[in-house]
């Protein structure tokens, strides 16, 4: 009796790769300010696209990405995770910008916070 099932290992690695590529597609969609549907479509296209092309070229028809529901679930979870992480980081940057602006002694502080996560918060104080 084998210690592990080789099919299960390859399926797990394939699902992990699908998830990682779906996250990268979803992050591009979030940076491009797409809505929920656009983010999920781009995550699905990025996550499943490469595997579908690979499977068709290798003759594995129908591709597991279209037959197995776990691949679609991996892309949906990746898209949701990207949106949730963007919302959390955007909220944290807005709170940080507001606390920096309120802690300045001068009331002429100008705070510009971008909605895109990763951009710097600029605080200018007139002295």
N, C-alpha and C. Protein backbone atom coordinates (compact mmCIF):
# COMPACT_ATOMS: atom_id res chain seq x y z
N UNK A 1 0.84 -1.18 0.00
CA UNK A 1 0.00 0.00 0.00
C UNK A 1 0.89 1.25 0.00
N UNK A 2 0.67 2.17 -0.93
CA UNK A 2 1.52 3.37 -1.00
C UNK A 2 1.25 4.32 0.16
N UNK A 3 2.27 5.08 0.50
CA UNK A 3 2.15 6.04 1.60
C UNK A 3 1.25 7.20 1.20
N UNK A 4 1.35 7.64 -0.03
CA UNK A 4 0.50 8.72 -0.51
C UNK A 4 0.06 8.42 -1.93
N UNK A 5 -1.03 9.02 -2.30
CA UNK A 5 -1.58 8.84 -3.63
C UNK A 5 -0.98 9.91 -4.55
N UNK A 6 -0.31 9.49 -5.60
CA UNK A 6 0.34 10.43 -6.51
C UNK A 6 -0.68 11.32 -7.22
N UNK A 7 -1.85 10.78 -7.53
CA UNK A 7 -2.90 11.61 -8.16
C UNK A 7 -3.36 12.72 -7.23
N UNK A 8 -3.46 12.41 -5.95
CA UNK A 8 -3.88 13.43 -4.98
C UNK A 8 -2.83 14.52 -4.85
N UNK A 9 -1.56 14.14 -4.89
CA UNK A 9 -0.49 15.13 -4.79
C UNK A 9 -0.48 16.05 -6.01
N UNK A 10 -0.61 15.47 -7.21
CA UNK A 10 -0.61 16.31 -8.41
C UNK A 10 -1.85 17.20 -8.47
N UNK A 11 -2.98 16.69 -8.01
CA UNK A 11 -4.19 17.53 -7.97
C UNK A 11 -4.01 18.68 -6.98
N UNK A 12 -3.42 18.39 -5.82
CA UNK A 12 -3.19 19.44 -4.83
C UNK A 12 -2.24 20.50 -5.36
N UNK A 13 -1.18 20.09 -6.03
CA UNK A 13 -0.25 21.06 -6.62
C UNK A 13 -0.91 21.86 -7.74
N UNK A 14 -1.74 21.21 -8.52
CA UNK A 14 -2.46 21.90 -9.59
C UNK A 14 -3.44 22.92 -9.01
N UNK A 15 -4.13 22.56 -7.93
CA UNK A 15 -5.04 23.50 -7.27
C UNK A 15 -4.27 24.67 -6.66
N UNK A 16 -3.12 24.39 -6.07
CA UNK A 16 -2.31 25.47 -5.49
C UNK A 16 -1.83 26.43 -6.57
N UNK A 17 -1.40 25.89 -7.71
CA UNK A 17 -0.98 26.75 -8.81
C UNK A 17 -2.12 27.57 -9.37
N UNK A 18 -3.28 26.96 -9.49
CA UNK A 18 -4.46 27.69 -9.95
C UNK A 18 -4.79 28.82 -9.00
N UNK A 19 -4.72 28.55 -7.70
CA UNK A 19 -5.01 29.59 -6.70
C UNK A 19 -4.02 30.74 -6.79
N UNK A 20 -2.74 30.43 -6.91
CA UNK A 20 -1.71 31.49 -6.95
C UNK A 20 -1.87 32.35 -8.20
N UNK A 21 -2.11 31.73 -9.34
CA UNK A 21 -2.29 32.52 -10.57
C UNK A 21 -3.60 33.31 -10.52
N UNK A 22 -4.62 32.76 -9.89
CA UNK A 22 -5.88 33.50 -9.75
C UNK A 22 -5.69 34.71 -8.84
N UNK A 23 -4.89 34.58 -7.80
CA UNK A 23 -4.60 35.73 -6.93
C UNK A 23 -3.89 36.82 -7.72
N UNK A 24 -2.94 36.43 -8.57
CA UNK A 24 -2.23 37.45 -9.35
C UNK A 24 -3.18 38.17 -10.31
N UNK A 25 -4.08 37.43 -10.94
CA UNK A 25 -5.06 38.06 -11.81
C UNK A 25 -6.03 38.95 -11.06
N UNK A 26 -6.44 38.50 -9.87
CA UNK A 26 -7.36 39.31 -9.07
C UNK A 26 -6.70 40.58 -8.57
N UNK A 27 -5.42 40.52 -8.23
CA UNK A 27 -4.72 41.73 -7.79
C UNK A 27 -4.59 42.75 -8.92
N UNK A 28 -4.38 42.26 -10.14
CA UNK A 28 -4.34 43.16 -11.30
C UNK A 28 -5.71 43.82 -11.47
N UNK A 29 -6.77 43.04 -11.29
CA UNK A 29 -8.12 43.58 -11.43
C UNK A 29 -8.43 44.61 -10.35
N UNK A 30 -7.98 44.35 -9.13
CA UNK A 30 -8.21 45.30 -8.04
C UNK A 30 -7.44 46.59 -8.29
N UNK A 31 -6.20 46.47 -8.75
CA UNK A 31 -5.43 47.68 -9.06
C UNK A 31 -6.04 48.46 -10.21
N UNK A 32 -6.70 47.75 -11.12
CA UNK A 32 -7.39 48.41 -12.22
C UNK A 32 -8.78 48.90 -11.85
N UNK A 33 -9.15 48.77 -10.57
CA UNK A 33 -10.42 49.23 -10.02
C UNK A 33 -11.63 48.58 -10.69
N UNK A 34 -11.53 47.30 -10.98
CA UNK A 34 -12.68 46.56 -11.50
C UNK A 34 -13.62 46.21 -10.36
N UNK A 35 -14.88 45.96 -10.70
CA UNK A 35 -15.84 45.58 -9.68
C UNK A 35 -15.68 44.11 -9.32
N UNK A 36 -16.59 43.60 -8.49
CA UNK A 36 -16.51 42.22 -8.02
C UNK A 36 -16.56 41.23 -9.18
N UNK A 37 -17.50 41.43 -10.09
CA UNK A 37 -17.64 40.51 -11.22
C UNK A 37 -16.39 40.53 -12.10
N UNK A 38 -15.88 41.70 -12.40
CA UNK A 38 -14.68 41.81 -13.22
C UNK A 38 -13.47 41.17 -12.56
N UNK A 39 -13.38 41.33 -11.25
CA UNK A 39 -12.27 40.72 -10.51
C UNK A 39 -12.35 39.21 -10.55
N UNK A 40 -13.55 38.66 -10.35
CA UNK A 40 -13.71 37.21 -10.39
C UNK A 40 -13.48 36.65 -11.79
N UNK A 41 -13.90 37.38 -12.82
CA UNK A 41 -13.67 36.92 -14.20
C UNK A 41 -12.17 36.91 -14.51
N UNK A 42 -11.47 37.99 -14.14
CA UNK A 42 -10.04 38.04 -14.41
C UNK A 42 -9.28 37.00 -13.57
N UNK A 43 -9.72 36.78 -12.34
CA UNK A 43 -9.08 35.73 -11.53
C UNK A 43 -9.31 34.36 -12.15
N UNK A 44 -10.50 34.11 -12.64
CA UNK A 44 -10.79 32.82 -13.29
C UNK A 44 -10.03 32.64 -14.58
N UNK A 45 -9.96 33.69 -15.38
CA UNK A 45 -9.24 33.59 -16.65
C UNK A 45 -7.75 33.37 -16.43
N UNK A 46 -7.19 34.05 -15.45
CA UNK A 46 -5.77 33.90 -15.16
C UNK A 46 -5.47 32.56 -14.50
N UNK A 47 -6.30 32.18 -13.55
CA UNK A 47 -6.06 30.94 -12.83
C UNK A 47 -6.28 29.70 -13.66
N UNK A 48 -7.32 29.70 -14.47
CA UNK A 48 -7.67 28.51 -15.25
C UNK A 48 -7.07 28.51 -16.64
N UNK A 49 -6.76 29.67 -17.18
CA UNK A 49 -6.33 29.78 -18.57
C UNK A 49 -5.09 28.97 -18.92
N UNK A 50 -4.04 29.12 -18.14
CA UNK A 50 -2.80 28.40 -18.44
C UNK A 50 -2.96 26.90 -18.33
N UNK A 51 -3.69 26.46 -17.32
CA UNK A 51 -3.91 25.03 -17.14
C UNK A 51 -4.77 24.44 -18.24
N UNK A 52 -5.75 25.19 -18.70
CA UNK A 52 -6.60 24.71 -19.79
C UNK A 52 -5.80 24.55 -21.08
N UNK A 53 -4.98 25.53 -21.38
CA UNK A 53 -4.15 25.45 -22.59
C UNK A 53 -3.18 24.27 -22.48
N UNK A 54 -2.55 24.12 -21.33
CA UNK A 54 -1.62 23.02 -21.12
C UNK A 54 -2.30 21.66 -21.30
N UNK A 55 -3.48 21.50 -20.68
CA UNK A 55 -4.17 20.22 -20.76
C UNK A 55 -4.63 19.90 -22.17
N UNK A 56 -5.10 20.90 -22.89
CA UNK A 56 -5.54 20.65 -24.27
C UNK A 56 -4.35 20.29 -25.15
N UNK A 57 -3.22 20.99 -24.98
CA UNK A 57 -2.03 20.67 -25.78
C UNK A 57 -1.47 19.28 -25.45
N UNK A 58 -1.64 18.85 -24.21
CA UNK A 58 -1.17 17.51 -23.83
C UNK A 58 -2.19 16.42 -24.15
N UNK A 59 -3.36 16.80 -24.59
CA UNK A 59 -4.37 15.83 -24.97
C UNK A 59 -5.24 15.35 -23.82
N UNK A 60 -5.19 16.02 -22.70
CA UNK A 60 -6.03 15.66 -21.55
C UNK A 60 -7.37 16.37 -21.70
N UNK A 61 -8.26 15.73 -22.48
CA UNK A 61 -9.55 16.33 -22.80
C UNK A 61 -10.64 15.49 -22.18
N UNK A 62 -11.61 16.03 -21.48
CA UNK A 62 -11.78 17.44 -21.11
C UNK A 62 -10.82 17.84 -19.99
N UNK A 63 -10.41 19.09 -19.99
CA UNK A 63 -9.45 19.55 -18.98
C UNK A 63 -10.05 19.48 -17.57
N UNK A 64 -9.24 19.12 -16.59
CA UNK A 64 -9.74 19.07 -15.21
C UNK A 64 -10.24 20.43 -14.72
N UNK A 65 -9.72 21.52 -15.26
CA UNK A 65 -10.18 22.84 -14.86
C UNK A 65 -11.64 23.10 -15.20
N UNK A 66 -12.16 22.38 -16.18
CA UNK A 66 -13.58 22.53 -16.54
C UNK A 66 -14.45 21.45 -15.92
N UNK A 67 -13.85 20.32 -15.56
CA UNK A 67 -14.63 19.19 -15.03
C UNK A 67 -14.71 19.22 -13.51
N UNK A 68 -13.61 19.55 -12.85
CA UNK A 68 -13.54 19.49 -11.39
C UNK A 68 -13.96 20.83 -10.80
N UNK A 69 -14.94 20.81 -9.91
CA UNK A 69 -15.47 22.05 -9.33
C UNK A 69 -14.47 22.71 -8.40
N UNK A 70 -13.46 21.99 -7.91
CA UNK A 70 -12.50 22.58 -6.97
C UNK A 70 -11.64 23.66 -7.62
N UNK A 71 -11.41 23.54 -8.91
CA UNK A 71 -10.61 24.56 -9.61
C UNK A 71 -11.37 25.89 -9.68
N UNK A 72 -12.65 25.82 -9.97
CA UNK A 72 -13.47 27.04 -9.99
C UNK A 72 -13.57 27.64 -8.59
N UNK A 73 -13.70 26.78 -7.59
CA UNK A 73 -13.76 27.26 -6.21
C UNK A 73 -12.45 27.96 -5.82
N UNK A 74 -11.33 27.42 -6.26
CA UNK A 74 -10.03 28.05 -5.95
C UNK A 74 -9.94 29.44 -6.55
N UNK A 75 -10.45 29.63 -7.77
CA UNK A 75 -10.39 30.96 -8.38
C UNK A 75 -11.34 31.94 -7.69
N UNK A 76 -12.52 31.47 -7.29
CA UNK A 76 -13.47 32.35 -6.60
C UNK A 76 -12.93 32.75 -5.23
N UNK A 77 -12.34 31.80 -4.51
CA UNK A 77 -11.75 32.12 -3.20
C UNK A 77 -10.58 33.09 -3.37
N UNK A 78 -9.77 32.90 -4.39
CA UNK A 78 -8.64 33.81 -4.63
C UNK A 78 -9.13 35.22 -4.95
N UNK A 79 -10.17 35.33 -5.78
CA UNK A 79 -10.72 36.65 -6.08
C UNK A 79 -11.30 37.32 -4.86
N UNK A 80 -12.03 36.57 -4.05
CA UNK A 80 -12.58 37.12 -2.81
C UNK A 80 -11.50 37.54 -1.83
N UNK A 81 -10.45 36.75 -1.76
CA UNK A 81 -9.33 37.08 -0.87
C UNK A 81 -8.64 38.35 -1.31
N UNK A 82 -8.48 38.53 -2.61
CA UNK A 82 -7.83 39.74 -3.12
C UNK A 82 -8.67 40.98 -2.83
N UNK A 83 -9.97 40.86 -3.01
CA UNK A 83 -10.85 42.00 -2.73
C UNK A 83 -10.86 42.31 -1.23
N UNK A 84 -10.91 41.28 -0.39
CA UNK A 84 -10.92 41.50 1.05
C UNK A 84 -9.62 42.12 1.53
N UNK A 85 -8.50 41.66 1.00
CA UNK A 85 -7.22 42.23 1.43
C UNK A 85 -7.08 43.67 0.93
N UNK A 86 -7.59 43.96 -0.27
CA UNK A 86 -7.54 45.34 -0.75
C UNK A 86 -8.41 46.24 0.13
N UNK A 87 -9.59 45.77 0.50
CA UNK A 87 -10.47 46.57 1.35
C UNK A 87 -9.84 46.83 2.72
N UNK A 88 -9.18 45.82 3.27
CA UNK A 88 -8.54 45.98 4.58
C UNK A 88 -7.38 46.96 4.51
N UNK A 89 -6.52 46.83 3.50
CA UNK A 89 -5.38 47.73 3.41
C UNK A 89 -5.81 49.15 3.07
N UNK A 90 -6.86 49.29 2.27
CA UNK A 90 -7.34 50.63 1.95
C UNK A 90 -7.94 51.29 3.19
N UNK A 91 -8.66 50.51 4.00
CA UNK A 91 -9.24 51.04 5.23
C UNK A 91 -8.13 51.43 6.20
N UNK A 92 -7.12 50.60 6.34
CA UNK A 92 -6.01 50.89 7.26
C UNK A 92 -5.28 52.15 6.82
N UNK A 93 -5.05 52.32 5.51
CA UNK A 93 -4.34 53.52 5.06
C UNK A 93 -5.16 54.78 5.28
N UNK A 94 -6.49 54.69 5.13
CA UNK A 94 -7.34 55.85 5.40
C UNK A 94 -7.33 56.20 6.88
N UNK A 95 -7.38 55.19 7.76
CA UNK A 95 -7.34 55.45 9.20
C UNK A 95 -6.00 56.04 9.60
N UNK A 96 -4.92 55.52 9.04
CA UNK A 96 -3.59 56.04 9.36
C UNK A 96 -3.45 57.48 8.88
N UNK A 97 -3.97 57.79 7.70
CA UNK A 97 -3.88 59.15 7.19
C UNK A 97 -4.70 60.11 8.06
N UNK A 98 -5.86 59.66 8.52
CA UNK A 98 -6.69 60.52 9.37
C UNK A 98 -6.04 60.74 10.72
N UNK A 99 -5.39 59.71 11.27
CA UNK A 99 -4.75 59.89 12.57
C UNK A 99 -3.53 60.79 12.47
N UNK A 100 -2.79 60.69 11.37
CA UNK A 100 -1.64 61.58 11.18
C UNK A 100 -2.12 63.01 11.01
N UNK A 101 -3.20 63.20 10.26
CA UNK A 101 -3.71 64.56 10.04
C UNK A 101 -4.26 65.15 11.32
N UNK A 102 -4.89 64.34 12.16
CA UNK A 102 -5.46 64.88 13.38
C UNK A 102 -4.41 65.11 14.46
N UNK A 103 -3.27 64.43 14.35
CA UNK A 103 -2.25 64.60 15.37
C UNK A 103 -1.31 65.77 15.09
N UNK A 104 -1.42 66.40 13.94
CA UNK A 104 -0.56 67.54 13.64
C UNK A 104 -1.06 68.76 14.40
N UNK A 105 -0.13 69.61 14.81
CA UNK A 105 -0.49 70.79 15.59
C UNK A 105 -1.15 71.85 14.72
N UNK A 106 -0.79 71.89 13.45
CA UNK A 106 -1.32 72.90 12.55
C UNK A 106 -2.61 72.39 11.93
N UNK A 107 -3.60 73.22 11.83
CA UNK A 107 -4.88 72.81 11.25
C UNK A 107 -4.88 72.89 9.74
N UNK A 108 -3.79 73.38 9.14
CA UNK A 108 -3.72 73.49 7.69
C UNK A 108 -3.14 72.25 7.04
N UNK A 109 -3.18 71.13 7.72
CA UNK A 109 -2.61 69.89 7.16
C UNK A 109 -3.49 69.42 6.00
N UNK A 110 -2.85 69.03 4.96
CA UNK A 110 -3.56 68.52 3.78
C UNK A 110 -3.20 67.05 3.64
N UNK A 111 -4.21 66.22 3.58
CA UNK A 111 -3.96 64.80 3.48
C UNK A 111 -4.56 64.31 2.18
N UNK A 112 -3.74 63.60 1.42
CA UNK A 112 -4.24 63.00 0.19
C UNK A 112 -3.99 61.50 0.30
N UNK A 113 -5.07 60.75 0.32
CA UNK A 113 -4.95 59.30 0.42
C UNK A 113 -5.59 58.70 -0.81
N UNK A 114 -4.88 57.85 -1.49
CA UNK A 114 -5.40 57.22 -2.69
C UNK A 114 -6.21 55.99 -2.32
N UNK A 115 -7.19 55.66 -3.17
CA UNK A 115 -8.00 54.47 -2.94
C UNK A 115 -7.25 53.21 -3.34
N UNK A 116 -6.17 53.34 -4.08
CA UNK A 116 -5.41 52.17 -4.51
C UNK A 116 -4.39 51.84 -3.43
N UNK A 117 -4.45 50.60 -2.95
CA UNK A 117 -3.53 50.18 -1.91
C UNK A 117 -2.10 50.17 -2.45
N UNK A 118 -1.19 50.56 -1.63
CA UNK A 118 0.21 50.54 -2.02
C UNK A 118 0.76 51.91 -2.39
N UNK A 119 -0.11 52.89 -2.64
CA UNK A 119 0.39 54.22 -2.95
C UNK A 119 0.67 54.95 -1.64
N UNK A 120 1.67 55.82 -1.62
CA UNK A 120 2.02 56.49 -0.37
C UNK A 120 1.00 57.54 0.02
N UNK A 121 0.89 57.76 1.29
CA UNK A 121 0.03 58.81 1.82
C UNK A 121 0.89 60.05 1.99
N UNK A 122 0.45 61.16 1.42
CA UNK A 122 1.23 62.40 1.45
C UNK A 122 0.59 63.33 2.47
N UNK A 123 1.38 63.77 3.43
CA UNK A 123 0.90 64.71 4.46
C UNK A 123 1.78 65.94 4.38
N UNK A 124 1.17 67.11 4.18
CA UNK A 124 1.91 68.37 4.12
C UNK A 124 1.42 69.27 5.25
N UNK A 125 2.32 69.80 5.98
CA UNK A 125 1.95 70.71 7.07
C UNK A 125 2.59 72.06 6.80
N UNK A 126 1.75 73.12 6.89
CA UNK A 126 2.27 74.47 6.70
C UNK A 126 2.81 74.97 8.03
N UNK A 127 4.05 75.38 8.04
CA UNK A 127 4.66 75.86 9.28
C UNK A 127 5.20 77.24 9.10
